[in-house]
Protein backbone atom coordinates (compact mmCIF):
# COMPACT_ATOMS: atom_id res chain seq x y z
CA MET A 1 0.00 0.00 0.00
CA GLU A 2 1.47 3.30 -1.10
CA THR A 3 1.48 6.40 1.11
CA VAL A 4 1.63 9.92 -0.29
CA LYS A 5 1.97 13.29 1.42
CA ALA A 6 -1.01 15.61 1.02
CA SER A 7 1.12 18.17 -0.83
CA VAL A 8 2.28 15.53 -3.33
CA PHE A 9 -1.30 14.27 -3.70
CA LYS A 10 -2.49 17.80 -4.46
CA ALA A 11 0.11 18.20 -7.20
CA THR A 12 -0.45 14.76 -8.78
CA CYS A 13 -4.08 14.03 -7.96
CA LEU A 14 -5.26 13.07 -11.47
CA ARG A 15 -2.27 10.81 -12.11
CA LEU A 16 -2.77 9.04 -8.78
CA MET A 17 -6.49 8.59 -9.47
CA GLU A 18 -5.72 6.95 -12.81
CA LYS A 19 -3.13 4.70 -11.14
CA VAL A 20 -5.64 3.55 -8.50
CA GLN A 21 -8.25 2.87 -11.17
CA ARG A 22 -5.78 0.92 -13.30
CA THR A 23 -4.09 -1.15 -10.56
CA GLY A 24 -6.93 -1.45 -8.05
CA GLU A 25 -4.55 -0.68 -5.17
CA GLN A 26 -5.38 1.95 -2.60
CA ILE A 27 -3.24 4.95 -1.63
CA ILE A 28 -3.04 6.42 1.88
CA ILE A 29 -2.77 10.22 1.99
CA THR A 30 -0.87 11.62 4.97
CA LYS A 31 -0.62 15.03 6.56
CA ASN A 32 2.26 15.69 8.96
CA GLY A 33 3.10 11.99 8.80
CA LYS A 34 -0.36 10.84 9.95
CA PRO A 35 -2.90 9.12 7.69
CA VAL A 36 -5.87 11.37 6.95
CA SER A 37 -7.50 9.83 3.91
CA ARG A 38 -7.54 6.79 1.67
CA LEU A 39 -7.92 6.77 -2.12
CA VAL A 40 -9.58 3.52 -3.21
CA PRO A 41 -10.89 2.35 -6.59
CA TYR A 42 -14.62 2.74 -7.13
CA ARG A 43 -16.45 -0.57 -7.34
CA GLU A 44 -20.10 -0.65 -8.21
CA VAL A 45 -22.02 -2.94 -5.87
CA PRO A 46 -25.09 -4.62 -7.36
CA LYS A 47 -28.38 -3.74 -5.65
CA THR A 48 -29.48 -7.36 -5.71
CA ILE A 49 -27.96 -10.69 -6.69
CA PHE A 50 -30.94 -11.55 -8.90
CA GLY A 51 -30.05 -10.90 -12.51
CA LEU A 52 -26.40 -10.33 -11.63
CA HIS A 53 -25.21 -12.54 -14.52
CA ARG A 54 -27.96 -11.65 -16.98
CA ASP A 55 -26.68 -11.70 -20.56
CA LYS A 56 -23.42 -13.30 -19.40
CA ILE A 57 -24.61 -16.92 -19.11
CA SER A 58 -26.71 -18.72 -21.67
CA SER A 59 -28.11 -22.22 -22.00
CA ARG A 60 -28.80 -24.01 -25.25
CA ASP A 61 -30.92 -26.73 -23.62
CA ASP A 62 -34.65 -26.66 -23.07
CA LEU A 63 -34.77 -26.30 -19.30
CA VAL A 64 -38.57 -26.46 -19.01
CA SER A 65 -39.68 -29.57 -20.92
CA PRO A 66 -39.73 -32.97 -19.15
CA VAL A 67 -36.83 -35.36 -19.59
CA GLU A 68 -37.23 -38.87 -20.98
CA VAL A 69 -35.60 -40.57 -17.97
CA THR A 70 -37.40 -42.79 -15.46
CA TRP A 71 -36.14 -42.44 -11.93
CA ASP A 72 -35.97 -45.31 -9.46
CA VAL A 73 -38.51 -43.62 -7.18
CA GLU A 74 -41.14 -43.61 -9.96
CA SER A 75 -41.13 -47.41 -10.41
């Protein structure tokens, strides 16, 4: 985890933001040698898990029609 002085952060803010977005690593911003803030990459959290993988997973089988297999419990 990288630490950066507030004065250096102020001068290179945009470059550091791009670095955090690209690498995914956070940066601690210090003032007088003490941590005051943390720059972390933005991650969008889904509101619900339902539909999370919509349009990413597909099935070519017919999942609704009955299968032509007799189970042992049916006999």
